[in-house]
Amino acid sequence: MTFSLMARDGERFGIAVSSSSPAVAARAAHLRPGVGAAASQNVTDPMLGTSLLERLAEHGDAQRALADVTGAPQHARTLAYRQLTVLGRSGPGFAYSGSRTLGTHASAAADGAVAAGNMLAGEHVPGELLDAYHAAGGELEERLLAALKAGLAAGGEEGPVYSAGLAVVADVGWRVTDLRVDWAEEPVDRLGDLLDVWLPQRDDYVRRGLDPATSPSYGVPGDL
């Protein structure tokens, strides 16, 4: 019911995700500045995303973090239903798909990125996400969105998607981008519209958070 891509760009980590279920980004996407990215999808358990980031923060090894979480006794009863991905500060991303992952499922990884999905139109879809990400230009957010669009164009899920999200962390303690379309027709296109509005303002919102008195937009009516 879900496909996603996470990627690393210098100190930035980002995730783009889409699903036939509502509010997918609220449950599946997990990021921590300076640490990495993780996703819990299929029959989602958000606590697994948190656990992956906790393990990653301890030792910085994405493959080991995935082994730590999938090997933990407390998860043994339900692990067959889970699909997980994780990406750290160096090296490739890693993926796990339990034996009861829904429908056609697959993953693809490269240095600095990993994609995975379930109930897919075909096993090729995660590879299409990775290829499109690497071929795209622009900001990390724009490349992640390009990958999500390519996943849809390659068939995406078996049925229509209704939610999508895109989030990025950088060198501050919050998500510098956090955009969601929780339920809509053509949510990936809607997500692109949101990104068009958000991206030109992103860095100024960071400056306002760090030092509002020197922000060039301070005092503009309606600004957060």
N, C-alpha and C. Protein backbone atom coordinates (compact mmCIF):
# COMPACT_ATOMS: atom_id res chain seq x y z
N MET A 1 0.81 -1.22 0.00
CA MET A 1 0.00 0.00 0.00
C MET A 1 0.84 1.26 0.00
N THR A 2 2.19 1.10 -0.06
CA THR A 2 3.07 2.25 0.12
C THR A 2 4.34 2.09 -0.70
N PHE A 3 4.86 3.19 -1.23
CA PHE A 3 6.23 3.18 -1.75
C PHE A 3 6.92 4.47 -1.33
N SER A 4 8.24 4.37 -1.11
CA SER A 4 8.97 5.49 -0.56
C SER A 4 10.42 5.48 -1.03
N LEU A 5 11.05 6.64 -0.90
CA LEU A 5 12.48 6.79 -1.14
C LEU A 5 13.04 7.68 -0.05
N MET A 6 14.18 7.30 0.52
CA MET A 6 14.93 8.19 1.40
C MET A 6 16.31 8.38 0.82
N ALA A 7 16.86 9.60 1.06
CA ALA A 7 18.15 9.93 0.46
C ALA A 7 18.94 10.86 1.36
N ARG A 8 20.25 10.81 1.20
CA ARG A 8 21.18 11.67 1.93
C ARG A 8 21.87 12.61 0.94
N ASP A 9 21.97 13.88 1.33
CA ASP A 9 22.65 14.87 0.51
C ASP A 9 23.50 15.72 1.44
N GLY A 10 24.77 15.37 1.61
CA GLY A 10 25.60 16.07 2.58
C GLY A 10 25.07 15.85 3.98
N GLU A 11 24.73 16.94 4.67
CA GLU A 11 24.18 16.86 6.02
C GLU A 11 22.66 16.74 6.03
N ARG A 12 22.06 16.71 4.86
CA ARG A 12 20.60 16.64 4.77
C ARG A 12 20.13 15.21 4.53
N PHE A 13 19.02 14.88 5.15
CA PHE A 13 18.34 13.61 4.91
C PHE A 13 16.89 13.92 4.55
N GLY A 14 16.34 13.16 3.59
CA GLY A 14 14.97 13.39 3.19
C GLY A 14 14.24 12.11 2.87
N ILE A 15 12.92 12.18 2.95
CA ILE A 15 12.03 11.07 2.62
C ILE A 15 10.88 11.59 1.78
N ALA A 16 10.53 10.84 0.75
CA ALA A 16 9.29 11.06 0.00
C ALA A 16 8.52 9.75 0.01
N VAL A 17 7.21 9.82 0.26
CA VAL A 17 6.41 8.61 0.42
C VAL A 17 5.00 8.84 -0.10
N SER A 18 4.39 7.79 -0.65
CA SER A 18 3.01 7.87 -1.11
C SER A 18 2.31 6.56 -0.82
N SER A 19 0.97 6.62 -0.67
CA SER A 19 0.22 5.44 -0.29
C SER A 19 -1.24 5.56 -0.67
N SER A 20 -1.90 4.41 -0.74
CA SER A 20 -3.36 4.39 -0.88
C SER A 20 -4.05 4.65 0.45
N SER A 21 -3.32 4.58 1.55
CA SER A 21 -3.87 4.85 2.88
C SER A 21 -3.76 6.33 3.22
N PRO A 22 -4.59 6.85 4.11
CA PRO A 22 -4.51 8.26 4.48
C PRO A 22 -3.31 8.56 5.35
N ALA A 23 -2.84 9.81 5.25
CA ALA A 23 -1.83 10.37 6.16
C ALA A 23 -0.59 9.49 6.29
N VAL A 24 -0.08 9.00 5.16
CA VAL A 24 1.03 8.05 5.22
C VAL A 24 2.27 8.66 5.85
N ALA A 25 2.58 9.93 5.56
CA ALA A 25 3.82 10.51 6.06
C ALA A 25 3.80 10.66 7.58
N ALA A 26 2.62 10.80 8.16
CA ALA A 26 2.53 10.93 9.61
C ALA A 26 2.97 9.67 10.33
N ARG A 27 2.84 8.52 9.66
CA ARG A 27 3.14 7.26 10.32
C ARG A 27 4.43 6.62 9.81
N ALA A 28 4.77 6.85 8.55
CA ALA A 28 5.86 6.08 7.93
C ALA A 28 7.20 6.78 7.96
N ALA A 29 7.24 8.11 7.93
CA ALA A 29 8.49 8.84 7.72
C ALA A 29 9.11 9.28 9.03
N HIS A 30 10.39 8.93 9.21
CA HIS A 30 11.12 9.24 10.44
C HIS A 30 12.49 9.80 10.08
N LEU A 31 12.82 10.96 10.66
CA LEU A 31 14.08 11.64 10.38
C LEU A 31 14.66 12.20 11.67
N ARG A 32 15.99 12.21 11.75
CA ARG A 32 16.66 12.86 12.88
C ARG A 32 17.88 13.60 12.36
N PRO A 33 17.95 14.93 12.60
CA PRO A 33 19.10 15.69 12.12
C PRO A 33 20.41 15.12 12.66
N GLY A 34 21.40 15.02 11.78
CA GLY A 34 22.70 14.52 12.16
C GLY A 34 22.80 13.03 12.35
N VAL A 35 21.68 12.32 12.20
CA VAL A 35 21.65 10.87 12.45
C VAL A 35 21.28 10.11 11.19
N GLY A 36 20.10 10.37 10.63
CA GLY A 36 19.69 9.64 9.45
C GLY A 36 18.19 9.62 9.25
N ALA A 37 17.75 8.63 8.50
CA ALA A 37 16.34 8.50 8.13
C ALA A 37 15.91 7.05 8.26
N ALA A 38 14.62 6.86 8.53
CA ALA A 38 14.06 5.51 8.63
C ALA A 38 12.60 5.57 8.20
N ALA A 39 12.10 4.44 7.75
CA ALA A 39 10.68 4.33 7.40
C ALA A 39 10.14 3.01 7.88
N SER A 40 8.92 3.04 8.38
CA SER A 40 8.16 1.84 8.73
C SER A 40 6.90 1.85 7.89
N GLN A 41 6.74 0.86 7.02
CA GLN A 41 5.58 0.83 6.13
C GLN A 41 5.03 -0.59 6.02
N ASN A 42 4.10 -0.81 5.11
CA ASN A 42 3.29 -2.02 5.02
C ASN A 42 2.27 -1.97 6.15
N VAL A 43 2.24 -2.87 7.08
CA VAL A 43 1.40 -2.74 8.28
C VAL A 43 2.24 -1.93 9.27
N THR A 44 2.01 -0.63 9.29
CA THR A 44 2.97 0.30 9.88
C THR A 44 2.98 0.27 11.40
N ASP A 45 4.18 0.23 11.97
CA ASP A 45 4.39 0.44 13.39
C ASP A 45 5.36 1.61 13.53
N PRO A 46 4.87 2.83 13.80
CA PRO A 46 5.77 3.98 13.88
C PRO A 46 6.88 3.82 14.91
N MET A 47 6.66 3.02 15.94
CA MET A 47 7.71 2.83 16.95
C MET A 47 8.96 2.19 16.36
N LEU A 48 8.80 1.41 15.28
CA LEU A 48 9.96 0.80 14.66
C LEU A 48 10.84 1.84 13.99
N GLY A 49 10.23 2.86 13.40
CA GLY A 49 11.01 3.95 12.84
C GLY A 49 11.81 4.67 13.91
N THR A 50 11.18 4.92 15.05
CA THR A 50 11.87 5.54 16.17
C THR A 50 13.01 4.67 16.66
N SER A 51 12.77 3.37 16.77
CA SER A 51 13.80 2.45 17.24
C SER A 51 14.99 2.40 16.28
N LEU A 52 14.73 2.41 14.99
CA LEU A 52 15.82 2.42 14.02
C LEU A 52 16.70 3.65 14.19
N LEU A 53 16.10 4.81 14.39
CA LEU A 53 16.89 6.02 14.58
C LEU A 53 17.64 6.01 15.90
N GLU A 54 17.05 5.44 16.92
CA GLU A 54 17.75 5.34 18.21
C GLU A 54 18.99 4.47 18.09
N ARG A 55 18.85 3.33 17.42
CA ARG A 55 20.02 2.45 17.22
C ARG A 55 21.06 3.15 16.35
N LEU A 56 20.61 3.84 15.33
CA LEU A 56 21.51 4.54 14.44
C LEU A 56 22.27 5.63 15.18
N ALA A 57 21.60 6.33 16.08
CA ALA A 57 22.26 7.37 16.87
C ALA A 57 23.33 6.79 17.78
N GLU A 58 23.14 5.56 18.23
CA GLU A 58 24.10 4.93 19.14
C GLU A 58 25.42 4.59 18.46
N HIS A 59 25.35 4.03 17.23
CA HIS A 59 26.58 3.53 16.61
C HIS A 59 26.78 3.95 15.16
N GLY A 60 25.81 4.57 14.51
CA GLY A 60 26.00 5.12 13.18
C GLY A 60 26.02 4.13 12.04
N ASP A 61 25.71 2.87 12.29
CA ASP A 61 25.78 1.81 11.28
C ASP A 61 24.37 1.41 10.88
N ALA A 62 23.95 1.79 9.65
CA ALA A 62 22.57 1.54 9.24
C ALA A 62 22.25 0.05 9.15
N GLN A 63 23.16 -0.73 8.62
CA GLN A 63 22.92 -2.17 8.51
C GLN A 63 22.78 -2.79 9.89
N ARG A 64 23.62 -2.39 10.80
CA ARG A 64 23.54 -2.91 12.17
C ARG A 64 22.25 -2.45 12.85
N ALA A 65 21.85 -1.19 12.62
CA ALA A 65 20.60 -0.69 13.21
C ALA A 65 19.42 -1.54 12.76
N LEU A 66 19.39 -1.88 11.48
CA LEU A 66 18.30 -2.72 10.97
C LEU A 66 18.35 -4.10 11.61
N ALA A 67 19.54 -4.66 11.74
CA ALA A 67 19.67 -5.97 12.38
C ALA A 67 19.28 -5.91 13.85
N ASP A 68 19.63 -4.82 14.53
CA ASP A 68 19.25 -4.66 15.95
C ASP A 68 17.74 -4.71 16.12
N VAL A 69 17.04 -3.96 15.26
CA VAL A 69 15.58 -3.85 15.41
C VAL A 69 14.89 -5.13 14.96
N THR A 70 15.28 -5.67 13.82
CA THR A 70 14.61 -6.89 13.33
C THR A 70 14.95 -8.11 14.18
N GLY A 71 16.05 -8.04 14.93
CA GLY A 71 16.42 -9.16 15.79
C GLY A 71 15.95 -9.03 17.22
N ALA A 72 15.29 -7.92 17.55
CA ALA A 72 14.86 -7.71 18.93
C ALA A 72 13.69 -8.62 19.28
N PRO A 73 13.74 -9.32 20.41
CA PRO A 73 12.69 -10.27 20.78
C PRO A 73 11.29 -9.65 20.86
N GLN A 74 11.20 -8.40 21.28
CA GLN A 74 9.88 -7.79 21.44
C GLN A 74 9.15 -7.58 20.12
N HIS A 75 9.88 -7.63 19.00
CA HIS A 75 9.26 -7.45 17.70
C HIS A 75 9.00 -8.76 16.97
N ALA A 76 9.42 -9.88 17.55
CA ALA A 76 9.40 -11.16 16.83
C ALA A 76 7.99 -11.55 16.38
N ARG A 77 6.98 -11.28 17.18
CA ARG A 77 5.62 -11.75 16.88
C ARG A 77 5.02 -11.05 15.66
N THR A 78 5.40 -9.80 15.42
CA THR A 78 4.76 -9.02 14.36
C THR A 78 5.70 -8.66 13.21
N LEU A 79 6.96 -9.04 13.29
CA LEU A 79 7.94 -8.59 12.31
C LEU A 79 7.63 -9.06 10.89
N ALA A 80 6.97 -10.19 10.75
CA ALA A 80 6.65 -10.70 9.42
C ALA A 80 5.78 -9.74 8.62
N TYR A 81 5.06 -8.84 9.31
CA TYR A 81 4.15 -7.92 8.65
C TYR A 81 4.82 -6.59 8.25
N ARG A 82 6.06 -6.39 8.62
CA ARG A 82 6.69 -5.08 8.49
C ARG A 82 7.59 -4.96 7.26
N GLN A 83 7.66 -3.73 6.77
CA GLN A 83 8.65 -3.38 5.77
C GLN A 83 9.37 -2.13 6.28
N LEU A 84 10.70 -2.20 6.36
CA LEU A 84 11.50 -1.15 6.99
C LEU A 84 12.63 -0.73 6.07
N THR A 85 12.98 0.55 6.13
CA THR A 85 14.19 1.04 5.47
C THR A 85 14.92 1.96 6.43
N VAL A 86 16.25 2.06 6.24
CA VAL A 86 17.06 2.92 7.12
C VAL A 86 18.28 3.39 6.35
N LEU A 87 18.71 4.63 6.64
CA LEU A 87 19.84 5.26 5.97
C LEU A 87 20.61 6.08 6.98
N GLY A 88 21.94 5.89 7.02
CA GLY A 88 22.77 6.63 7.96
C GLY A 88 23.63 7.68 7.29
N ARG A 89 24.65 8.15 8.02
CA ARG A 89 25.49 9.26 7.57
C ARG A 89 26.49 8.85 6.49
N SER A 90 26.67 7.57 6.27
CA SER A 90 27.57 7.12 5.22
C SER A 90 27.07 5.79 4.68
N GLY A 91 27.52 5.46 3.46
CA GLY A 91 27.18 4.17 2.87
C GLY A 91 25.78 4.11 2.30
N PRO A 92 25.38 2.92 1.88
CA PRO A 92 24.05 2.74 1.30
C PRO A 92 22.96 2.66 2.35
N GLY A 93 21.71 2.69 1.89
CA GLY A 93 20.59 2.38 2.75
C GLY A 93 20.32 0.89 2.75
N PHE A 94 19.50 0.45 3.70
CA PHE A 94 19.18 -0.97 3.84
C PHE A 94 17.68 -1.13 4.03
N ALA A 95 17.17 -2.27 3.59
CA ALA A 95 15.73 -2.53 3.64
C ALA A 95 15.45 -3.92 4.17
N TYR A 96 14.28 -4.07 4.78
CA TYR A 96 13.79 -5.37 5.27
C TYR A 96 12.33 -5.49 4.88
N SER A 97 11.95 -6.63 4.34
CA SER A 97 10.55 -6.92 4.05
C SER A 97 10.20 -8.26 4.67
N GLY A 98 9.26 -8.25 5.61
CA GLY A 98 8.85 -9.48 6.28
C GLY A 98 8.12 -10.42 5.34
N SER A 99 7.99 -11.66 5.77
CA SER A 99 7.42 -12.70 4.92
C SER A 99 5.94 -12.45 4.60
N ARG A 100 5.27 -11.62 5.37
CA ARG A 100 3.86 -11.33 5.12
C ARG A 100 3.65 -9.91 4.58
N THR A 101 4.71 -9.32 4.03
CA THR A 101 4.56 -8.03 3.35
C THR A 101 3.55 -8.19 2.22
N LEU A 102 2.69 -7.21 2.06
CA LEU A 102 1.55 -7.33 1.17
C LEU A 102 1.93 -7.25 -0.31
N GLY A 103 1.31 -8.10 -1.10
CA GLY A 103 1.39 -8.03 -2.56
C GLY A 103 2.79 -8.14 -3.10
N THR A 104 2.97 -7.58 -4.29
CA THR A 104 4.30 -7.51 -4.89
C THR A 104 5.10 -6.47 -4.13
N HIS A 105 6.24 -6.86 -3.59
CA HIS A 105 7.06 -5.94 -2.83
C HIS A 105 8.51 -6.07 -3.25
N ALA A 106 9.25 -4.98 -3.09
CA ALA A 106 10.63 -4.95 -3.54
C ALA A 106 11.34 -3.77 -2.90
N SER A 107 12.67 -3.76 -3.00
CA SER A 107 13.48 -2.64 -2.53
C SER A 107 14.68 -2.49 -3.46
N ALA A 108 15.29 -1.34 -3.40
CA ALA A 108 16.50 -1.06 -4.18
C ALA A 108 17.33 -0.06 -3.39
N ALA A 109 18.65 -0.26 -3.36
CA ALA A 109 19.53 0.60 -2.57
C ALA A 109 20.73 1.03 -3.37
N ALA A 110 21.28 2.18 -3.01
CA ALA A 110 22.51 2.70 -3.59
C ALA A 110 23.20 3.51 -2.50
N ASP A 111 24.40 3.95 -2.78
CA ASP A 111 25.09 4.80 -1.81
C ASP A 111 24.26 6.06 -1.57
N GLY A 112 23.89 6.27 -0.33
CA GLY A 112 23.14 7.46 0.02
C GLY A 112 21.66 7.42 -0.25
N ALA A 113 21.10 6.25 -0.55
CA ALA A 113 19.66 6.20 -0.85
C ALA A 113 19.13 4.78 -0.72
N VAL A 114 17.82 4.67 -0.48
CA VAL A 114 17.14 3.38 -0.49
C VAL A 114 15.66 3.62 -0.77
N ALA A 115 15.08 2.74 -1.57
CA ALA A 115 13.66 2.81 -1.91
C ALA A 115 13.01 1.46 -1.64
N ALA A 116 11.73 1.46 -1.30
CA ALA A 116 11.02 0.21 -1.05
C ALA A 116 9.53 0.45 -1.23
N GLY A 117 8.81 -0.64 -1.49
CA GLY A 117 7.37 -0.54 -1.63
C GLY A 117 6.69 -1.88 -1.52
N ASN A 118 5.39 -1.84 -1.30
CA ASN A 118 4.57 -3.05 -1.22
C ASN A 118 3.28 -2.82 -1.97
N MET A 119 2.60 -3.91 -2.34
CA MET A 119 1.44 -3.86 -3.22
C MET A 119 1.75 -3.05 -4.47
N LEU A 120 2.92 -3.31 -5.05
CA LEU A 120 3.40 -2.55 -6.20
C LEU A 120 2.85 -3.12 -7.51
N ALA A 121 2.87 -2.28 -8.53
CA ALA A 121 2.53 -2.74 -9.87
C ALA A 121 3.58 -3.69 -10.41
N GLY A 122 4.80 -3.62 -9.88
CA GLY A 122 5.87 -4.52 -10.31
C GLY A 122 7.10 -4.31 -9.46
N GLU A 123 7.99 -5.28 -9.45
CA GLU A 123 9.19 -5.20 -8.64
C GLU A 123 10.17 -4.13 -9.13
N HIS A 124 9.93 -3.60 -10.32
CA HIS A 124 10.83 -2.60 -10.88
C HIS A 124 10.65 -1.22 -10.26
N VAL A 125 9.56 -0.97 -9.56
CA VAL A 125 9.21 0.38 -9.13
C VAL A 125 10.28 1.00 -8.23
N PRO A 126 10.79 0.33 -7.18
CA PRO A 126 11.82 0.98 -6.36
C PRO A 126 13.06 1.39 -7.15
N GLY A 127 13.46 0.57 -8.11
CA GLY A 127 14.59 0.94 -8.96
C GLY A 127 14.31 2.19 -9.77
N GLU A 128 13.07 2.35 -10.23
CA GLU A 128 12.70 3.55 -10.97
C GLU A 128 12.79 4.79 -10.08
N LEU A 129 12.41 4.64 -8.82
CA LEU A 129 12.54 5.75 -7.88
C LEU A 129 14.00 6.18 -7.75
N LEU A 130 14.89 5.21 -7.55
CA LEU A 130 16.30 5.52 -7.41
C LEU A 130 16.86 6.16 -8.67
N ASP A 131 16.54 5.60 -9.82
CA ASP A 131 17.07 6.14 -11.08
C ASP A 131 16.63 7.58 -11.29
N ALA A 132 15.37 7.86 -11.02
CA ALA A 132 14.86 9.21 -11.22
C ALA A 132 15.48 10.19 -10.23
N TYR A 133 15.69 9.75 -9.00
CA TYR A 133 16.33 10.61 -8.01
C TYR A 133 17.72 11.01 -8.47
N HIS A 134 18.51 10.04 -8.93
CA HIS A 134 19.87 10.33 -9.34
C HIS A 134 19.93 11.14 -10.63
N ALA A 135 18.91 11.03 -11.46
CA ALA A 135 18.90 11.77 -12.72
C ALA A 135 18.42 13.21 -12.56
N ALA A 136 17.70 13.49 -11.49
CA ALA A 136 17.08 14.80 -11.31
C ALA A 136 18.10 15.82 -10.81
N GLY A 137 17.81 17.08 -11.04
CA GLY A 137 18.62 18.17 -10.52
C GLY A 137 17.84 18.96 -9.49
N GLY A 138 18.49 19.99 -8.93
CA GLY A 138 17.81 20.86 -7.99
C GLY A 138 18.05 20.49 -6.55
N GLU A 139 17.22 21.04 -5.69
CA GLU A 139 17.30 20.79 -4.26
C GLU A 139 16.92 19.34 -3.94
N LEU A 140 17.31 18.88 -2.76
CA LEU A 140 16.98 17.53 -2.34
C LEU A 140 15.48 17.30 -2.43
N GLU A 141 14.68 18.26 -2.00
CA GLU A 141 13.23 18.12 -2.06
C GLU A 141 12.75 17.90 -3.48
N GLU A 142 13.32 18.63 -4.42
CA GLU A 142 12.91 18.52 -5.82
C GLU A 142 13.28 17.16 -6.40
N ARG A 143 14.42 16.65 -6.02
CA ARG A 143 14.84 15.33 -6.50
C ARG A 143 13.98 14.22 -5.90
N LEU A 144 13.62 14.37 -4.64
CA LEU A 144 12.75 13.38 -4.02
C LEU A 144 11.37 13.38 -4.68
N LEU A 145 10.85 14.56 -4.97
CA LEU A 145 9.56 14.65 -5.64
C LEU A 145 9.64 14.04 -7.04
N ALA A 146 10.73 14.30 -7.75
CA ALA A 146 10.90 13.72 -9.09
C ALA A 146 10.88 12.20 -9.01
N ALA A 147 11.49 11.64 -7.96
CA ALA A 147 11.49 10.19 -7.79
C ALA A 147 10.09 9.66 -7.54
N LEU A 148 9.32 10.36 -6.71
CA LEU A 148 7.97 9.92 -6.41
C LEU A 148 7.11 9.93 -7.67
N LYS A 149 7.26 10.98 -8.48
CA LYS A 149 6.51 11.05 -9.74
C LYS A 149 6.92 9.92 -10.68
N ALA A 150 8.21 9.60 -10.71
CA ALA A 150 8.67 8.51 -11.57
C ALA A 150 8.13 7.17 -11.10
N GLY A 151 8.03 7.00 -9.79
CA GLY A 151 7.45 5.76 -9.26
C GLY A 151 6.01 5.59 -9.72
N LEU A 152 5.25 6.68 -9.69
CA LEU A 152 3.87 6.63 -10.19
C LEU A 152 3.83 6.32 -11.67
N ALA A 153 4.69 6.98 -12.43
CA ALA A 153 4.71 6.77 -13.87
C ALA A 153 5.09 5.34 -14.24
N ALA A 154 5.88 4.70 -13.36
CA ALA A 154 6.29 3.31 -13.59
C ALA A 154 5.24 2.30 -13.15
N GLY A 155 4.10 2.79 -12.68
CA GLY A 155 3.03 1.90 -12.26
C GLY A 155 2.65 2.07 -10.81
N GLY A 156 3.61 2.51 -9.98
CA GLY A 156 3.31 2.76 -8.57
C GLY A 156 2.70 1.56 -7.88
N GLU A 157 1.64 1.81 -7.16
CA GLU A 157 0.90 0.74 -6.50
C GLU A 157 -0.05 0.06 -7.49
N GLU A 158 -0.63 -1.04 -7.03
CA GLU A 158 -1.61 -1.74 -7.85
C GLU A 158 -2.84 -0.87 -8.10
N GLY A 159 -3.18 -0.02 -7.15
CA GLY A 159 -4.34 0.86 -7.27
C GLY A 159 -3.94 2.30 -7.08
N PRO A 160 -4.90 3.22 -7.03
CA PRO A 160 -4.58 4.65 -6.90
C PRO A 160 -4.02 5.00 -5.53
N VAL A 161 -3.19 6.04 -5.48
CA VAL A 161 -2.68 6.55 -4.22
C VAL A 161 -3.51 7.77 -3.81
N TYR A 162 -3.61 7.97 -2.50
CA TYR A 162 -4.43 9.06 -1.97
C TYR A 162 -3.72 9.95 -0.96
N SER A 163 -2.50 9.60 -0.58
CA SER A 163 -1.76 10.47 0.32
C SER A 163 -0.29 10.46 -0.07
N ALA A 164 0.40 11.54 0.27
CA ALA A 164 1.82 11.66 -0.04
C ALA A 164 2.45 12.65 0.93
N GLY A 165 3.76 12.50 1.13
CA GLY A 165 4.46 13.43 2.01
C GLY A 165 5.92 13.52 1.63
N LEU A 166 6.54 14.63 2.04
CA LEU A 166 7.94 14.87 1.74
C LEU A 166 8.52 15.65 2.93
N ALA A 167 9.62 15.15 3.49
CA ALA A 167 10.23 15.79 4.65
C ALA A 167 11.74 15.76 4.51
N VAL A 168 12.39 16.81 5.02
CA VAL A 168 13.85 16.94 4.99
C VAL A 168 14.33 17.52 6.32
N VAL A 169 15.43 16.98 6.84
CA VAL A 169 16.13 17.59 7.97
C VAL A 169 17.51 18.02 7.50
N ALA A 170 18.06 19.03 8.19
CA ALA A 170 19.36 19.56 7.82
C ALA A 170 20.21 19.70 9.08
N ASP A 171 20.77 20.90 9.31
CA ASP A 171 21.67 21.11 10.43
C ASP A 171 21.02 21.90 11.56
N VAL A 172 19.72 21.88 11.63
CA VAL A 172 18.99 22.46 12.76
C VAL A 172 18.11 21.37 13.37
N GLY A 173 17.52 21.66 14.51
CA GLY A 173 16.85 20.61 15.27
C GLY A 173 15.40 20.37 14.90
N TRP A 174 14.99 20.74 13.70
CA TRP A 174 13.62 20.49 13.26
C TRP A 174 13.63 20.18 11.78
N ARG A 175 12.48 19.75 11.25
CA ARG A 175 12.36 19.47 9.83
C ARG A 175 12.30 20.79 9.07
N VAL A 176 13.27 21.00 8.19
CA VAL A 176 13.27 22.25 7.43
C VAL A 176 12.21 22.22 6.34
N THR A 177 11.81 21.02 5.93
CA THR A 177 10.66 20.83 5.04
C THR A 177 9.81 19.71 5.61
N ASP A 178 8.51 19.91 5.67
CA ASP A 178 7.60 18.88 6.18
C ASP A 178 6.24 19.12 5.54
N LEU A 179 6.04 18.54 4.37
CA LEU A 179 4.83 18.77 3.57
C LEU A 179 4.03 17.49 3.46
N ARG A 180 2.71 17.60 3.59
CA ARG A 180 1.85 16.42 3.55
C ARG A 180 0.55 16.71 2.81
N VAL A 181 0.13 15.72 2.05
CA VAL A 181 -1.23 15.69 1.50
C VAL A 181 -1.84 14.42 2.06
N ASP A 182 -2.73 14.57 3.03
CA ASP A 182 -3.18 13.42 3.80
C ASP A 182 -4.31 12.64 3.14
N TRP A 183 -5.08 13.27 2.24
CA TRP A 183 -6.12 12.54 1.51
C TRP A 183 -6.60 13.39 0.36
N ALA A 184 -6.33 12.95 -0.86
CA ALA A 184 -6.73 13.71 -2.04
C ALA A 184 -6.57 12.86 -3.27
N GLU A 185 -7.31 13.22 -4.31
CA GLU A 185 -7.01 12.69 -5.62
C GLU A 185 -5.68 13.28 -6.09
N GLU A 186 -4.87 12.50 -6.76
CA GLU A 186 -3.58 12.95 -7.29
C GLU A 186 -2.73 13.65 -6.22
N PRO A 187 -2.46 12.99 -5.11
CA PRO A 187 -1.74 13.64 -4.01
C PRO A 187 -0.31 14.02 -4.34
N VAL A 188 0.34 13.30 -5.25
CA VAL A 188 1.73 13.65 -5.59
C VAL A 188 1.77 14.97 -6.35
N ASP A 189 0.82 15.21 -7.23
CA ASP A 189 0.74 16.50 -7.90
C ASP A 189 0.44 17.62 -6.90
N ARG A 190 -0.44 17.35 -5.96
CA ARG A 190 -0.75 18.34 -4.91
C ARG A 190 0.50 18.63 -4.08
N LEU A 191 1.27 17.58 -3.80
CA LEU A 191 2.51 17.76 -3.05
C LEU A 191 3.47 18.66 -3.82
N GLY A 192 3.54 18.49 -5.12
CA GLY A 192 4.37 19.35 -5.95
C GLY A 192 3.93 20.81 -5.88
N ASP A 193 2.62 21.04 -5.85
CA ASP A 193 2.11 22.41 -5.72
C ASP A 193 2.54 23.02 -4.39
N LEU A 194 2.46 22.24 -3.32
CA LEU A 194 2.91 22.72 -2.02
C LEU A 194 4.40 23.05 -2.01
N LEU A 195 5.19 22.19 -2.65
CA LEU A 195 6.62 22.43 -2.69
C LEU A 195 6.95 23.71 -3.45
N ASP A 196 6.21 23.99 -4.50
CA ASP A 196 6.42 25.23 -5.25
C ASP A 196 6.23 26.46 -4.36
N VAL A 197 5.27 26.38 -3.45
CA VAL A 197 5.02 27.49 -2.53
C VAL A 197 6.09 27.54 -1.43
N TRP A 198 6.44 26.37 -0.92
CA TRP A 198 7.31 26.29 0.26
C TRP A 198 8.77 26.56 -0.02
N LEU A 199 9.32 25.99 -1.08
CA LEU A 199 10.76 25.96 -1.26
C LEU A 199 11.40 27.35 -1.32
N PRO A 200 10.80 28.34 -1.99
CA PRO A 200 11.43 29.66 -1.99
C PRO A 200 11.49 30.31 -0.61
N GLN A 201 10.68 29.85 0.34
CA GLN A 201 10.63 30.44 1.68
C GLN A 201 11.36 29.61 2.73
N ARG A 202 11.77 28.40 2.36
CA ARG A 202 12.33 27.45 3.34
C ARG A 202 13.46 28.04 4.17
N ASP A 203 14.46 28.58 3.51
CA ASP A 203 15.65 29.02 4.23
C ASP A 203 15.37 30.22 5.12
N ASP A 204 14.43 31.08 4.70
CA ASP A 204 14.10 32.22 5.54
C ASP A 204 13.39 31.79 6.81
N TYR A 205 12.57 30.73 6.72
CA TYR A 205 11.95 30.23 7.94
C TYR A 205 12.98 29.65 8.90
N VAL A 206 14.05 29.07 8.36
CA VAL A 206 15.14 28.61 9.23
C VAL A 206 15.80 29.80 9.90
N ARG A 207 16.10 30.84 9.13
CA ARG A 207 16.72 32.03 9.72
C ARG A 207 15.85 32.64 10.80
N ARG A 208 14.54 32.69 10.56
CA ARG A 208 13.62 33.23 11.57
C ARG A 208 13.65 32.41 12.85
N GLY A 209 13.74 31.09 12.68
CA GLY A 209 13.79 30.24 13.86
C GLY A 209 15.06 30.45 14.67
N LEU A 210 16.17 30.68 13.99
CA LEU A 210 17.45 30.83 14.69
C LEU A 210 17.67 32.24 15.22
N ASP A 211 17.28 33.26 14.45
CA ASP A 211 17.55 34.65 14.85
C ASP A 211 16.50 35.56 14.22
N PRO A 212 15.32 35.62 14.80
CA PRO A 212 14.22 36.36 14.16
C PRO A 212 14.48 37.84 13.98
N ALA A 213 15.27 38.44 14.85
CA ALA A 213 15.50 39.89 14.75
C ALA A 213 16.23 40.27 13.48
N THR A 214 17.03 39.35 12.93
CA THR A 214 17.80 39.65 11.73
C THR A 214 17.18 39.07 10.47
N SER A 215 16.04 38.40 10.60
CA SER A 215 15.40 37.83 9.43
C SER A 215 14.83 38.94 8.55
N PRO A 216 15.09 38.93 7.25
CA PRO A 216 14.59 40.00 6.38
C PRO A 216 13.07 40.04 6.29
N SER A 217 12.40 38.94 6.63
CA SER A 217 10.94 38.91 6.52
C SER A 217 10.25 39.13 7.86
N TYR A 218 11.01 39.39 8.92
CA TYR A 218 10.38 39.59 10.24
C TYR A 218 9.41 40.76 10.19
N GLY A 219 8.23 40.53 10.72
CA GLY A 219 7.22 41.57 10.79
C GLY A 219 6.25 41.60 9.63
N VAL A 220 6.46 40.76 8.64
CA VAL A 220 5.50 40.68 7.53
C VAL A 220 4.20 40.08 8.04
N PRO A 221 3.06 40.70 7.85
CA PRO A 221 1.79 40.19 8.40
C PRO A 221 1.54 38.74 7.95
N GLY A 222 1.16 37.92 8.91
CA GLY A 222 0.82 36.53 8.61
C GLY A 222 1.98 35.60 8.67
N ASP A 223 3.22 36.09 8.80
CA ASP A 223 4.36 35.20 8.83
C ASP A 223 4.44 34.47 10.16
N LEU A 224 4.87 33.23 10.11
CA LEU A 224 5.05 32.43 11.32
C LEU A 224 6.40 32.77 11.95
